[in-house]
């Protein structure tokens, strides 16, 4: 597993001084490329495979994934969330963002949005 190998390398006291400025993501990518090279893949194939593994397909049904694959997808989503997250001390941080959505377009009706005569 490239993730485990990257974590072990990064946390090794002998390599800590050298790898302090290298992100865990970069180490995972390096291990993945090395694994592909040892498996006979070209650099382009290894890079494409890594890109596919590290991105989320919005059309994918995650209910059909096993626990290991689901945990991997959740980890990717957590990383994306942290990258896009705005904190109080970030430049351009606005506490209460108000957005006006255009009302010119016809809204599509939705089955759960339709009011019924039945009381709940």
PDB file of N, CA and C in Angstrom:
ATOM      1  N   UNK A   1       0.845  -1.182   0.000  1.00  0.00           N
ATOM      2  CA  UNK A   1       0.000   0.000   0.000  1.00  0.00           C
ATOM      3  C   UNK A   1       0.889   1.244   0.000  1.00  0.00           C
ATOM      4  N   UNK A   2       0.706   2.094  -0.990  1.00  0.00           N
ATOM      5  CA  UNK A   2       1.539   3.294  -1.132  1.00  0.00           C
ATOM      6  C   UNK A   2       1.314   4.283   0.018  1.00  0.00           C
ATOM      7  N   UNK A   3       0.098   4.369   0.512  1.00  0.00           N
ATOM      8  CA  UNK A   3      -0.203   5.292   1.615  1.00  0.00           C
ATOM      9  C   UNK A   3       0.552   4.907   2.877  1.00  0.00           C
ATOM     10  N   UNK A   4       0.517   3.636   3.188  1.00  0.00           N
ATOM     11  CA  UNK A   4       1.193   3.150   4.381  1.00  0.00           C
ATOM     12  C   UNK A   4       2.706   3.332   4.271  1.00  0.00           C
ATOM     13  N   UNK A   5       3.260   3.015   3.105  1.00  0.00           N
ATOM     14  CA  UNK A   5       4.705   3.166   2.897  1.00  0.00           C
ATOM     15  C   UNK A   5       5.114   4.638   3.013  1.00  0.00           C
ATOM     16  N   UNK A   6       4.300   5.534   2.468  1.00  0.00           N
ATOM     17  CA  UNK A   6       4.609   6.961   2.539  1.00  0.00           C
ATOM     18  C   UNK A   6       4.569   7.456   3.982  1.00  0.00           C
ATOM     19  N   UNK A   7       3.585   7.006   4.746  1.00  0.00           N
ATOM     20  CA  UNK A   7       3.487   7.407   6.151  1.00  0.00           C
ATOM     21  C   UNK A   7       4.674   6.895   6.958  1.00  0.00           C
ATOM     22  N   UNK A   8       5.068   5.656   6.712  1.00  0.00           N
ATOM     23  CA  UNK A   8       6.201   5.092   7.434  1.00  0.00           C
ATOM     24  C   UNK A   8       7.488   5.840   7.108  1.00  0.00           C
ATOM     25  N   UNK A   9       7.682   6.188   5.838  1.00  0.00           N
ATOM     26  CA  UNK A   9       8.877   6.927   5.440  1.00  0.00           C
ATOM     27  C   UNK A   9       8.891   8.324   6.069  1.00  0.00           C
ATOM     28  N   UNK A  10       7.746   8.998   6.031  1.00  0.00           N
ATOM     29  CA  UNK A  10       7.661  10.355   6.572  1.00  0.00           C
ATOM     30  C   UNK A  10       7.871  10.368   8.081  1.00  0.00           C
ATOM     31  N   UNK A  11       7.396   9.345   8.780  1.00  0.00           N
ATOM     32  CA  UNK A  11       7.494   9.304  10.244  1.00  0.00           C
ATOM     33  C   UNK A  11       8.780   8.667  10.744  1.00  0.00           C
ATOM     34  N   UNK A  12       9.623   8.175   9.858  1.00  0.00           N
ATOM     35  CA  UNK A  12      10.879   7.558  10.256  1.00  0.00           C
ATOM     36  C   UNK A  12      11.825   8.640  10.787  1.00  0.00           C
ATOM     37  N   UNK A  13      12.340   8.492  12.008  1.00  0.00           N
ATOM     38  CA  UNK A  13      13.214   9.522  12.590  1.00  0.00           C
ATOM     39  C   UNK A  13      14.483   9.789  11.764  1.00  0.00           C
ATOM     40  N   UNK A  14      14.976   8.776  11.067  1.00  0.00           N
ATOM     41  CA  UNK A  14      16.189   8.956  10.252  1.00  0.00           C
ATOM     42  C   UNK A  14      15.957   9.902   9.072  1.00  0.00           C
ATOM     43  N   UNK A  15      14.722   9.926   8.546  1.00  0.00           N
ATOM     44  CA  UNK A  15      14.432  10.714   7.352  1.00  0.00           C
ATOM     45  C   UNK A  15      13.669  12.001   7.653  1.00  0.00           C
ATOM     46  N   UNK A  16      13.315  12.198   8.902  1.00  0.00           N
ATOM     47  CA  UNK A  16      12.464  13.335   9.285  1.00  0.00           C
ATOM     48  C   UNK A  16      13.056  14.677   8.855  1.00  0.00           C
ATOM     49  N   UNK A  17      14.340  14.874   9.029  1.00  0.00           N
ATOM     50  CA  UNK A  17      14.975  16.151   8.677  1.00  0.00           C
ATOM     51  C   UNK A  17      14.907  16.411   7.168  1.00  0.00           C
ATOM     52  N   UNK A  18      14.992  15.358   6.379  1.00  0.00           N
ATOM     53  CA  UNK A  18      14.991  15.510   4.921  1.00  0.00           C
ATOM     54  C   UNK A  18      13.590  15.642   4.335  1.00  0.00           C
ATOM     55  N   UNK A  19      12.627  15.013   4.986  1.00  0.00           N
ATOM     56  CA  UNK A  19      11.269  14.968   4.434  1.00  0.00           C
ATOM     57  C   UNK A  19      10.303  15.896   5.153  1.00  0.00           C
ATOM     58  N   UNK A  20      10.819  16.760   6.003  1.00  0.00           N
ATOM     59  CA  UNK A  20       9.958  17.659   6.762  1.00  0.00           C
ATOM     60  C   UNK A  20       9.151  18.577   5.844  1.00  0.00           C
ATOM     61  N   UNK A  21       9.750  19.040   4.753  1.00  0.00           N
ATOM     62  CA  UNK A  21       9.063  19.951   3.839  1.00  0.00           C
ATOM     63  C   UNK A  21       8.301  19.255   2.726  1.00  0.00           C
ATOM     64  N   UNK A  22       8.324  17.922   2.712  1.00  0.00           N
ATOM     65  CA  UNK A  22       7.642  17.157   1.666  1.00  0.00           C
ATOM     66  C   UNK A  22       6.301  16.687   2.207  1.00  0.00           C
ATOM     67  N   UNK A  23       5.241  16.947   1.456  1.00  0.00           N
ATOM     68  CA  UNK A  23       3.915  16.551   1.925  1.00  0.00           C
ATOM     69  C   UNK A  23       3.715  15.049   1.781  1.00  0.00           C
ATOM     70  N   UNK A  24       2.807  14.540   2.564  1.00  0.00           N
ATOM     71  CA  UNK A  24       2.472  13.121   2.511  1.00  0.00           C
ATOM     72  C   UNK A  24       1.885  12.765   1.145  1.00  0.00           C
ATOM     73  N   UNK A  25       1.123  13.682   0.572  1.00  0.00           N
ATOM     74  CA  UNK A  25       0.535  13.461  -0.755  1.00  0.00           C
ATOM     75  C   UNK A  25       1.624  13.265  -1.813  1.00  0.00           C
ATOM     76  N   UNK A  26       2.683  14.058  -1.746  1.00  0.00           N
ATOM     77  CA  UNK A  26       3.784  13.927  -2.699  1.00  0.00           C
ATOM     78  C   UNK A  26       4.483  12.577  -2.547  1.00  0.00           C
ATOM     79  N   UNK A  27       4.657  12.139  -1.311  1.00  0.00           N
ATOM     80  CA  UNK A  27       5.288  10.845  -1.078  1.00  0.00           C
ATOM     81  C   UNK A  27       4.414   9.703  -1.596  1.00  0.00           C
ATOM     82  N   UNK A  28       3.098   9.803  -1.408  1.00  0.00           N
ATOM     83  CA  UNK A  28       2.184   8.788  -1.936  1.00  0.00           C
ATOM     84  C   UNK A  28       2.296   8.722  -3.459  1.00  0.00           C
ATOM     85  N   UNK A  29       2.361   9.895  -4.076  1.00  0.00           N
ATOM     86  CA  UNK A  29       2.466   9.949  -5.535  1.00  0.00           C
ATOM     87  C   UNK A  29       3.778   9.324  -6.004  1.00  0.00           C
ATOM     88  N   UNK A  30       4.846   9.624  -5.305  1.00  0.00           N
ATOM     89  CA  UNK A  30       6.150   9.052  -5.655  1.00  0.00           C
ATOM     90  C   UNK A  30       6.125   7.535  -5.548  1.00  0.00           C
ATOM     91  N   UNK A  31       5.585   7.014  -4.454  1.00  0.00           N
ATOM     92  CA  UNK A  31       5.485   5.563  -4.285  1.00  0.00           C
ATOM     93  C   UNK A  31       4.611   4.941  -5.375  1.00  0.00           C
ATOM     94  N   UNK A  32       3.532   5.617  -5.719  1.00  0.00           N
ATOM     95  CA  UNK A  32       2.645   5.103  -6.758  1.00  0.00           C
ATOM     96  C   UNK A  32       3.357   5.051  -8.113  1.00  0.00           C
ATOM     97  N   UNK A  33       4.135   6.092  -8.421  1.00  0.00           N
ATOM     98  CA  UNK A  33       4.877   6.113  -9.683  1.00  0.00           C
ATOM     99  C   UNK A  33       5.954   5.033  -9.700  1.00  0.00           C
ATOM    100  N   UNK A  34       6.632   4.840  -8.579  1.00  0.00           N
ATOM    101  CA  UNK A  34       7.645   3.784  -8.500  1.00  0.00           C
ATOM    102  C   UNK A  34       7.013   2.403  -8.650  1.00  0.00           C
ATOM    103  N   UNK A  35       5.869   2.214  -8.031  1.00  0.00           N
ATOM    104  CA  UNK A  35       5.171   0.935  -8.124  1.00  0.00           C
ATOM    105  C   UNK A  35       4.760   0.665  -9.575  1.00  0.00           C
ATOM    106  N   UNK A  36       4.265   1.707 -10.251  1.00  0.00           N
ATOM    107  CA  UNK A  36       3.896   1.557 -11.665  1.00  0.00           C
ATOM    108  C   UNK A  36       5.096   1.248 -12.533  1.00  0.00           C
ATOM    109  N   UNK A  37       6.220   1.911 -12.266  1.00  0.00           N
ATOM    110  CA  UNK A  37       7.443   1.675 -13.038  1.00  0.00           C
ATOM    111  C   UNK A  37       7.925   0.235 -12.867  1.00  0.00           C
ATOM    112  N   UNK A  38       7.890  -0.243 -11.624  1.00  0.00           N
ATOM    113  CA  UNK A  38       8.305  -1.628 -11.372  1.00  0.00           C
ATOM    114  C   UNK A  38       7.343  -2.626 -12.007  1.00  0.00           C
ATOM    115  N   UNK A  39       6.101  -2.198 -12.212  1.00  0.00           N
ATOM    116  CA  UNK A  39       5.104  -3.052 -12.855  1.00  0.00           C
ATOM    117  C   UNK A  39       5.127  -2.963 -14.366  1.00  0.00           C
ATOM    118  N   UNK A  40       6.042  -2.167 -14.928  1.00  0.00           N
ATOM    119  CA  UNK A  40       6.172  -2.069 -16.374  1.00  0.00           C
ATOM    120  C   UNK A  40       5.336  -0.981 -17.026  1.00  0.00           C
ATOM    121  N   UNK A  41       4.735  -0.100 -16.231  1.00  0.00           N
ATOM    122  CA  UNK A  41       3.934   0.997 -16.790  1.00  0.00           C
ATOM    123  C   UNK A  41       4.836   2.160 -17.182  1.00  0.00           C
ATOM    124  N   UNK A  42       4.390   2.923 -18.172  1.00  0.00           N
ATOM    125  CA  UNK A  42       5.125   4.130 -18.537  1.00  0.00           C
ATOM    126  C   UNK A  42       4.782   5.227 -17.524  1.00  0.00           C
ATOM    127  N   UNK A  43       5.542   6.309 -17.572  1.00  0.00           N
ATOM    128  CA  UNK A  43       5.297   7.425 -16.654  1.00  0.00           C
ATOM    129  C   UNK A  43       3.905   8.014 -16.889  1.00  0.00           C
ATOM    130  N   UNK A  44       3.520   8.171 -18.155  1.00  0.00           N
ATOM    131  CA  UNK A  44       2.203   8.734 -18.474  1.00  0.00           C
ATOM    132  C   UNK A  44       1.084   7.840 -17.947  1.00  0.00           C
ATOM    133  N   UNK A  45       1.241   6.517 -18.095  1.00  0.00           N
ATOM    134  CA  UNK A  45       0.229   5.593 -17.596  1.00  0.00           C
ATOM    135  C   UNK A  45       0.132   5.655 -16.076  1.00  0.00           C
ATOM    136  N   UNK A  46       1.272   5.722 -15.412  1.00  0.00           N
ATOM    137  CA  UNK A  46       1.290   5.783 -13.953  1.00  0.00           C
ATOM    138  C   UNK A  46       0.669   7.080 -13.450  1.00  0.00           C
ATOM    139  N   UNK A  47       0.970   8.179 -14.117  1.00  0.00           N
ATOM    140  CA  UNK A  47       0.387   9.462 -13.719  1.00  0.00           C
ATOM    141  C   UNK A  47      -1.125   9.473 -13.909  1.00  0.00           C
ATOM    142  N   UNK A  48      -1.587   8.914 -15.027  1.00  0.00           N
ATOM    143  CA  UNK A  48      -3.028   8.859 -15.291  1.00  0.00           C
ATOM    144  C   UNK A  48      -3.727   7.966 -14.269  1.00  0.00           C
ATOM    145  N   UNK A  49      -3.120   6.849 -13.939  1.00  0.00           N
ATOM    146  CA  UNK A  49      -3.691   5.942 -12.943  1.00  0.00           C
ATOM    147  C   UNK A  49      -3.773   6.623 -11.581  1.00  0.00           C
ATOM    148  N   UNK A  50      -2.717   7.347 -11.196  1.00  0.00           N
ATOM    149  CA  UNK A  50      -2.714   8.061  -9.923  1.00  0.00           C
ATOM    150  C   UNK A  50      -3.790   9.138  -9.909  1.00  0.00           C
ATOM    151  N   UNK A  51      -3.931   9.863 -11.032  1.00  0.00           N
ATOM    152  CA  UNK A  51      -4.946  10.912 -11.121  1.00  0.00           C
ATOM    153  C   UNK A  51      -6.351  10.330 -10.970  1.00  0.00           C
ATOM    154  N   UNK A  52      -6.608   9.192 -11.612  1.00  0.00           N
ATOM    155  CA  UNK A  52      -7.920   8.545 -11.506  1.00  0.00           C
ATOM    156  C   UNK A  52      -8.201   8.087 -10.074  1.00  0.00           C
ATOM    157  N   UNK A  53      -7.167   7.587  -9.400  1.00  0.00           N
ATOM    158  CA  UNK A  53      -7.350   7.110  -8.032  1.00  0.00           C
ATOM    159  C   UNK A  53      -7.556   8.248  -7.038  1.00  0.00           C
ATOM    160  N   UNK A  54      -7.043   9.418  -7.345  1.00  0.00           N
ATOM    161  CA  UNK A  54      -7.096  10.540  -6.406  1.00  0.00           C
ATOM    162  C   UNK A  54      -8.219  11.531  -6.694  1.00  0.00           C
ATOM    163  N   UNK A  55      -9.083  11.222  -7.644  1.00  0.00           N
ATOM    164  CA  UNK A  55     -10.213  12.099  -7.926  1.00  0.00           C
ATOM    165  C   UNK A  55     -11.508  11.345  -7.676  1.00  0.00           C
ATOM    166  N   UNK A  56     -12.558  12.081  -7.408  1.00  0.00           N
ATOM    167  CA  UNK A  56     -13.866  11.505  -7.130  1.00  0.00           C
ATOM    168  C   UNK A  56     -14.731  11.645  -8.375  1.00  0.00           C
ATOM    169  N   UNK A  57     -15.311  10.537  -8.804  1.00  0.00           N
ATOM    170  CA  UNK A  57     -16.245  10.546  -9.922  1.00  0.00           C
ATOM    171  C   UNK A  57     -17.635  10.834  -9.362  1.00  0.00           C
ATOM    172  N   UNK A  58     -18.248  11.965  -9.739  1.00  0.00           N
ATOM    173  CA  UNK A  58     -19.549  12.301  -9.162  1.00  0.00           C
ATOM    174  C   UNK A  58     -20.657  11.324  -9.560  1.00  0.00           C
ATOM    175  N   UNK A  59     -20.454  10.552 -10.616  1.00  0.00           N
ATOM    176  CA  UNK A  59     -21.464   9.601 -11.072  1.00  0.00           C
ATOM    177  C   UNK A  59     -21.309   8.228 -10.415  1.00  0.00           C
ATOM    178  N   UNK A  60     -20.248   8.031  -9.658  1.00  0.00           N
ATOM    179  CA  UNK A  60     -19.987   6.737  -9.051  1.00  0.00           C
ATOM    180  C   UNK A  60     -20.951   6.482  -7.886  1.00  0.00           C
ATOM    181  N   UNK A  61     -21.496   5.279  -7.828  1.00  0.00           N
ATOM    182  CA  UNK A  61     -22.384   4.885  -6.737  1.00  0.00           C
ATOM    183  C   UNK A  61     -21.532   4.365  -5.587  1.00  0.00           C
ATOM    184  N   UNK A  62     -21.358   5.172  -4.569  1.00  0.00           N
ATOM    185  CA  UNK A  62     -20.492   4.807  -3.456  1.00  0.00           C
ATOM    186  C   UNK A  62     -21.141   3.795  -2.518  1.00  0.00           C
ATOM    187  N   UNK A  63     -22.434   3.531  -2.698  1.00  0.00           N
ATOM    188  CA  UNK A  63     -23.100   2.509  -1.892  1.00  0.00           C
ATOM    189  C   UNK A  63     -22.612   1.108  -2.255  1.00  0.00           C
ATOM    190  N   UNK A  64     -22.035   0.967  -3.445  1.00  0.00           N
ATOM    191  CA  UNK A  64     -21.580  -0.341  -3.908  1.00  0.00           C
ATOM    192  C   UNK A  64     -20.109  -0.607  -3.593  1.00  0.00           C
ATOM    193  N   UNK A  65     -19.417   0.343  -2.957  1.00  0.00           N
ATOM    194  CA  UNK A  65     -17.997   0.180  -2.641  1.00  0.00           C
ATOM    195  C   UNK A  65     -17.804  -0.612  -1.360  1.00  0.00           C
ATOM    196  N   UNK A  66     -16.677  -1.311  -1.275  1.00  0.00           N
ATOM    197  CA  UNK A  66     -16.357  -1.984  -0.024  1.00  0.00           C
ATOM    198  C   UNK A  66     -15.806  -0.952   0.967  1.00  0.00           C
ATOM    199  N   UNK A  67     -15.608  -1.363   2.196  1.00  0.00           N
ATOM    200  CA  UNK A  67     -15.211  -0.432   3.264  1.00  0.00           C
ATOM    201  C   UNK A  67     -13.883   0.259   2.980  1.00  0.00           C
ATOM    202  N   UNK A  68     -12.927  -0.482   2.422  1.00  0.00           N
ATOM    203  CA  UNK A  68     -11.599   0.079   2.149  1.00  0.00           C
ATOM    204  C   UNK A  68     -11.674   1.175   1.079  1.00  0.00           C
ATOM    205  N   UNK A  69     -12.398   0.890  -0.003  1.00  0.00           N
ATOM    206  CA  UNK A  69     -12.538   1.880  -1.081  1.00  0.00           C
ATOM    207  C   UNK A  69     -13.350   3.094  -0.616  1.00  0.00           C
ATOM    208  N   UNK A  70     -14.370   2.858   0.179  1.00  0.00           N
ATOM    209  CA  UNK A  70     -15.180   3.962   0.691  1.00  0.00           C
ATOM    210  C   UNK A  70     -14.358   4.863   1.602  1.00  0.00           C
ATOM    211  N   UNK A  71     -13.525   4.264   2.445  1.00  0.00           N
ATOM    212  CA  UNK A  71     -12.652   5.052   3.324  1.00  0.00           C
ATOM    213  C   UNK A  71     -11.671   5.878   2.494  1.00  0.00           C
ATOM    214  N   UNK A  72     -11.198   5.318   1.405  1.00  0.00           N
ATOM    215  CA  UNK A  72     -10.277   6.044   0.527  1.00  0.00           C
ATOM    216  C   UNK A  72     -10.973   7.256  -0.103  1.00  0.00           C
ATOM    217  N   UNK A  73     -12.214   7.066  -0.577  1.00  0.00           N
ATOM    218  CA  UNK A  73     -12.966   8.175  -1.177  1.00  0.00           C
ATOM    219  C   UNK A  73     -13.248   9.260  -0.142  1.00  0.00           C
ATOM    220  N   UNK A  74     -13.594   8.845   1.070  1.00  0.00           N
ATOM    221  CA  UNK A  74     -13.854   9.816   2.139  1.00  0.00           C
ATOM    222  C   UNK A  74     -12.599  10.602   2.480  1.00  0.00           C
ATOM    223  N   UNK A  75     -11.459   9.939   2.468  1.00  0.00           N
ATOM    224  CA  UNK A  75     -10.188  10.616   2.735  1.00  0.00           C
ATOM    225  C   UNK A  75      -9.907  11.672   1.667  1.00  0.00           C
ATOM    226  N   UNK A  76     -10.177  11.334   0.414  1.00  0.00           N
ATOM    227  CA  UNK A  76      -9.979  12.286  -0.685  1.00  0.00           C
ATOM    228  C   UNK A  76     -10.910  13.484  -0.511  1.00  0.00           C
ATOM    229  N   UNK A  77     -12.167  13.217  -0.136  1.00  0.00           N
ATOM    230  CA  UNK A  77     -13.119  14.313   0.070  1.00  0.00           C
ATOM    231  C   UNK A  77     -12.707  15.190   1.248  1.00  0.00           C
ATOM    232  N   UNK A  78     -12.173  14.580   2.311  1.00  0.00           N
ATOM    233  CA  UNK A  78     -11.705  15.353   3.459  1.00  0.00           C
ATOM    234  C   UNK A  78     -10.547  16.271   3.074  1.00  0.00           C
ATOM    235  N   UNK A  79      -9.619  15.760   2.257  1.00  0.00           N
ATOM    236  CA  UNK A  79      -8.498  16.575   1.794  1.00  0.00           C
ATOM    237  C   UNK A  79      -8.983  17.748   0.945  1.00  0.00           C
ATOM    238  N   UNK A  80      -9.947  17.488   0.055  1.00  0.00           N
ATOM    239  CA  UNK A  80     -10.498  18.572  -0.769  1.00  0.00           C
ATOM    240  C   UNK A  80     -11.213  19.609   0.095  1.00  0.00           C
ATOM    241  N   UNK A  81     -11.928  19.145   1.109  1.00  0.00           N
ATOM    242  CA  UNK A  81     -12.608  20.063   2.013  1.00  0.00           C
ATOM    243  C   UNK A  81     -11.607  20.973   2.711  1.00  0.00           C
ATOM    244  N   UNK A  82     -10.531  20.389   3.220  1.00  0.00           N
ATOM    245  CA  UNK A  82      -9.518  21.186   3.928  1.00  0.00           C
ATOM    246  C   UNK A  82      -8.828  22.174   2.995  1.00  0.00           C
ATOM    247  N   UNK A  83      -8.631  21.792   1.735  1.00  0.00           N
ATOM    248  CA  UNK A  83      -8.003  22.711   0.777  1.00  0.00           C
ATOM    249  C   UNK A  83      -8.901  23.909   0.502  1.00  0.00           C
ATOM    250  N   UNK A  84     -10.214  23.683   0.433  1.00  0.00           N
ATOM    251  CA  UNK A  84     -11.152  24.741   0.067  1.00  0.00           C
ATOM    252  C   UNK A  84     -11.732  25.480   1.261  1.00  0.00           C
ATOM    253  N   UNK A  85     -11.414  25.040   2.444  1.00  0.00           N
ATOM    254  CA  UNK A  85     -11.979  25.611   3.666  1.00  0.00           C
ATOM    255  C   UNK A  85     -11.447  27.028   3.909  1.00  0.00           C
ATOM    256  N   UNK A  86     -12.345  27.917   4.297  1.00  0.00           N
ATOM    257  CA  UNK A  86     -11.974  29.288   4.653  1.00  0.00           C
ATOM    258  C   UNK A  86     -11.967  29.405   6.168  1.00  0.00           C
ATOM    259  N   UNK A  87     -10.881  29.944   6.703  1.00  0.00           N
ATOM    260  CA  UNK A  87     -10.759  30.139   8.147  1.00  0.00           C
ATOM    261  C   UNK A  87     -10.829  31.627   8.473  1.00  0.00           C
ATOM    262  N   UNK A  88     -11.035  31.922   9.743  1.00  0.00           N
ATOM    263  CA  UNK A  88     -11.173  33.313  10.168  1.00  0.00           C
ATOM    264  C   UNK A  88      -9.958  34.156   9.807  1.00  0.00           C
ATOM    265  N   UNK A  89      -8.768  33.581   9.889  1.00  0.00           N
ATOM    266  CA  UNK A  89      -7.559  34.364   9.641  1.00  0.00           C
ATOM    267  C   UNK A  89      -7.130  34.366   8.165  1.00  0.00           C
ATOM    268  N   UNK A  90      -7.899  33.734   7.280  1.00  0.00           N
ATOM    269  CA  UNK A  90      -7.582  33.764   5.847  1.00  0.00           C
ATOM    270  C   UNK A  90      -7.906  35.127   5.268  1.00  0.00           C
ATOM    271  N   UNK A  91      -7.074  35.600   4.316  1.00  0.00           N
ATOM    272  CA  UNK A  91      -7.414  36.863   3.653  1.00  0.00           C
ATOM    273  C   UNK A  91      -8.676  36.676   2.817  1.00  0.00           C
ATOM    274  N   UNK A  92      -9.535  37.660   2.853  1.00  0.00           N
ATOM    275  CA  UNK A  92     -10.783  37.591   2.094  1.00  0.00           C
ATOM    276  C   UNK A  92     -11.883  36.813   2.792  1.00  0.00           C
ATOM    277  N   UNK A  93     -11.681  36.473   4.072  1.00  0.00           N
ATOM    278  CA  UNK A  93     -12.696  35.735   4.820  1.00  0.00           C
ATOM    279  C   UNK A  93     -13.879  36.645   5.096  1.00  0.00           C
ATOM    280  N   UNK A  94     -15.077  36.162   4.803  1.00  0.00           N
ATOM    281  CA  UNK A  94     -16.314  36.890   5.082  1.00  0.00           C
ATOM    282  C   UNK A  94     -17.165  35.980   5.955  1.00  0.00           C
ATOM    283  N   UNK A  95     -17.609  36.495   7.095  1.00  0.00           N
ATOM    284  CA  UNK A  95     -18.341  35.669   8.051  1.00  0.00           C
ATOM    285  C   UNK A  95     -19.717  35.256   7.526  1.00  0.00           C
ATOM    286  N   UNK A  96     -20.485  36.213   7.078  1.00  0.00           N
ATOM    287  CA  UNK A  96     -21.862  35.941   6.670  1.00  0.00           C
ATOM    288  C   UNK A  96     -22.015  36.278   5.190  1.00  0.00           C
ATOM    289  N   UNK A  97     -21.871  35.288   4.331  1.00  0.00           N
ATOM    290  CA  UNK A  97     -21.959  35.504   2.895  1.00  0.00           C
ATOM    291  C   UNK A  97     -23.413  35.377   2.472  1.00  0.00           C
ATOM    292  N   UNK A  98     -23.904  36.392   1.785  1.00  0.00           N
ATOM    293  CA  UNK A  98     -25.263  36.344   1.260  1.00  0.00           C
ATOM    294  C   UNK A  98     -25.183  36.319  -0.258  1.00  0.00           C
ATOM    295  N   UNK A  99     -25.921  35.396  -0.858  1.00  0.00           N
ATOM    296  CA  UNK A  99     -25.900  35.228  -2.308  1.00  0.00           C
ATOM    297  C   UNK A  99     -27.315  35.369  -2.833  1.00  0.00           C
ATOM    298  N   UNK A 100     -27.478  36.187  -3.865  1.00  0.00           N
ATOM    299  CA  UNK A 100     -28.766  36.341  -4.536  1.00  0.00           C
ATOM    300  C   UNK A 100     -28.779  35.417  -5.740  1.00  0.00           C
ATOM    301  N   UNK A 101     -29.731  34.500  -5.774  1.00  0.00           N
ATOM    302  CA  UNK A 101     -29.856  33.612  -6.914  1.00  0.00           C
ATOM    303  C   UNK A 101     -30.866  34.188  -7.892  1.00  0.00           C
ATOM    304  N   UNK A 102     -30.584  34.077  -9.190  1.00  0.00           N
ATOM    305  CA  UNK A 102     -31.494  34.660 -10.180  1.00  0.00           C
ATOM    306  C   UNK A 102     -32.851  33.955 -10.158  1.00  0.00           C
ATOM    307  N   UNK A 103     -33.907  34.742 -10.230  1.00  0.00           N
ATOM    308  CA  UNK A 103     -35.265  34.203 -10.225  1.00  0.00           C
ATOM    309  C   UNK A 103     -35.886  34.247 -11.619  1.00  0.00           C
ATOM    310  N   UNK A 104     -35.100  34.639 -12.631  1.00  0.00           N
ATOM    311  CA  UNK A 104     -35.607  34.755 -13.986  1.00  0.00           C
ATOM    312  C   UNK A 104     -35.901  33.391 -14.605  1.00  0.00           C
ATOM    313  N   UNK A 105     -35.148  32.393 -14.230  1.00  0.00           N
ATOM    314  CA  UNK A 105     -35.293  31.071 -14.822  1.00  0.00           C
ATOM    315  C   UNK A 105     -36.464  30.323 -14.192  1.00  0.00           C
ATOM    316  N   UNK A 106     -37.076  29.461 -14.995  1.00  0.00           N
ATOM    317  CA  UNK A 106     -38.165  28.630 -14.495  1.00  0.00           C
ATOM    318  C   UNK A 106     -37.581  27.512 -13.637  1.00  0.00           C
ATOM    319  N   UNK A 107     -38.058  27.372 -12.434  1.00  0.00           N
ATOM    320  CA  UNK A 107     -37.578  26.331 -11.547  1.00  0.00           C
ATOM    321  C   UNK A 107     -38.243  25.009 -11.885  1.00  0.00           C
ATOM    322  N   UNK A 108     -37.467  23.948 -11.834  1.00  0.00           N
ATOM    323  CA  UNK A 108     -38.009  22.623 -12.112  1.00  0.00           C
ATOM    324  C   UNK A 108     -38.742  22.109 -10.881  1.00  0.00           C
ATOM    325  N   UNK A 109     -39.932  21.559 -11.055  1.00  0.00           N
ATOM    326  CA  UNK A 109     -40.631  20.993  -9.898  1.00  0.00           C
ATOM    327  C   UNK A 109     -39.960  19.695  -9.459  1.00  0.00           C
ATOM    328  N   UNK A 110     -40.072  19.436  -8.193  1.00  0.00           N
ATOM    329  CA  UNK A 110     -39.472  18.234  -7.631  1.00  0.00           C
ATOM    330  C   UNK A 110     -40.554  17.505  -6.842  1.00  0.00           C
ATOM    331  N   UNK A 111     -40.564  16.187  -6.919  1.00  0.00           N
ATOM    332  CA  UNK A 111     -41.606  15.394  -6.287  1.00  0.00           C
ATOM    333  C   UNK A 111     -41.719  15.600  -4.795  1.00  0.00           C
ATOM    334  N   UNK A 112     -40.616  15.713  -4.093  1.00  0.00           N
ATOM    335  CA  UNK A 112     -40.666  15.864  -2.644  1.00  0.00           C
ATOM    336  C   UNK A 112     -40.991  17.292  -2.238  1.00  0.00           C
ATOM    337  N   UNK A 113     -40.910  18.215  -3.210  1.00  0.00           N
ATOM    338  CA  UNK A 113     -41.128  19.623  -2.923  1.00  0.00           C
ATOM    339  C   UNK A 113     -42.595  20.017  -3.101  1.00  0.00           C
ATOM    340  N   UNK A 114     -43.370  19.173  -3.728  1.00  0.00           N
ATOM    341  CA  UNK A 114     -44.771  19.485  -3.996  1.00  0.00           C
ATOM    342  C   UNK A 114     -45.581  19.321  -2.713  1.00  0.00           C
ATOM    343  N   UNK A 115     -46.363  20.332  -2.401  1.00  0.00           N
ATOM    344  CA  UNK A 115     -47.168  20.266  -1.188  1.00  0.00           C
ATOM    345  C   UNK A 115     -48.364  19.351  -1.432  1.00  0.00           C
ATOM    346  N   UNK A 116     -48.675  18.551  -0.440  1.00  0.00           N
ATOM    347  CA  UNK A 116     -49.821  17.685  -0.555  1.00  0.00           C
ATOM    348  C   UNK A 116     -50.837  18.097   0.482  1.00  0.00           C
ATOM    349  N   UNK A 117     -52.058  17.611   0.297  1.00  0.00           N
ATOM    350  CA  UNK A 117     -53.145  17.955   1.212  1.00  0.00           C
ATOM    351  C   UNK A 117     -53.060  17.172   2.505  1.00  0.00           C
ATOM    352  N   UNK A 118     -52.182  16.172   2.559  1.00  0.00           N
ATOM    353  CA  UNK A 118     -52.113  15.350   3.767  1.00  0.00           C
ATOM    354  C   UNK A 118     -51.289  16.029   4.850  1.00  0.00           C
ATOM    355  N   UNK A 119     -51.751  15.913   6.059  1.00  0.00           N
ATOM    356  CA  UNK A 119     -51.018  16.421   7.222  1.00  0.00           C
ATOM    357  C   UNK A 119     -50.056  15.338   7.686  1.00  0.00           C
ATOM    358  N   UNK A 120     -48.914  15.728   8.146  1.00  0.00           N
ATOM    359  CA  UNK A 120     -47.939  14.766   8.633  1.00  0.00           C
ATOM    360  C   UNK A 120     -48.089  14.593  10.113  1.00  0.00           C
TER     361      UNK A 120
END
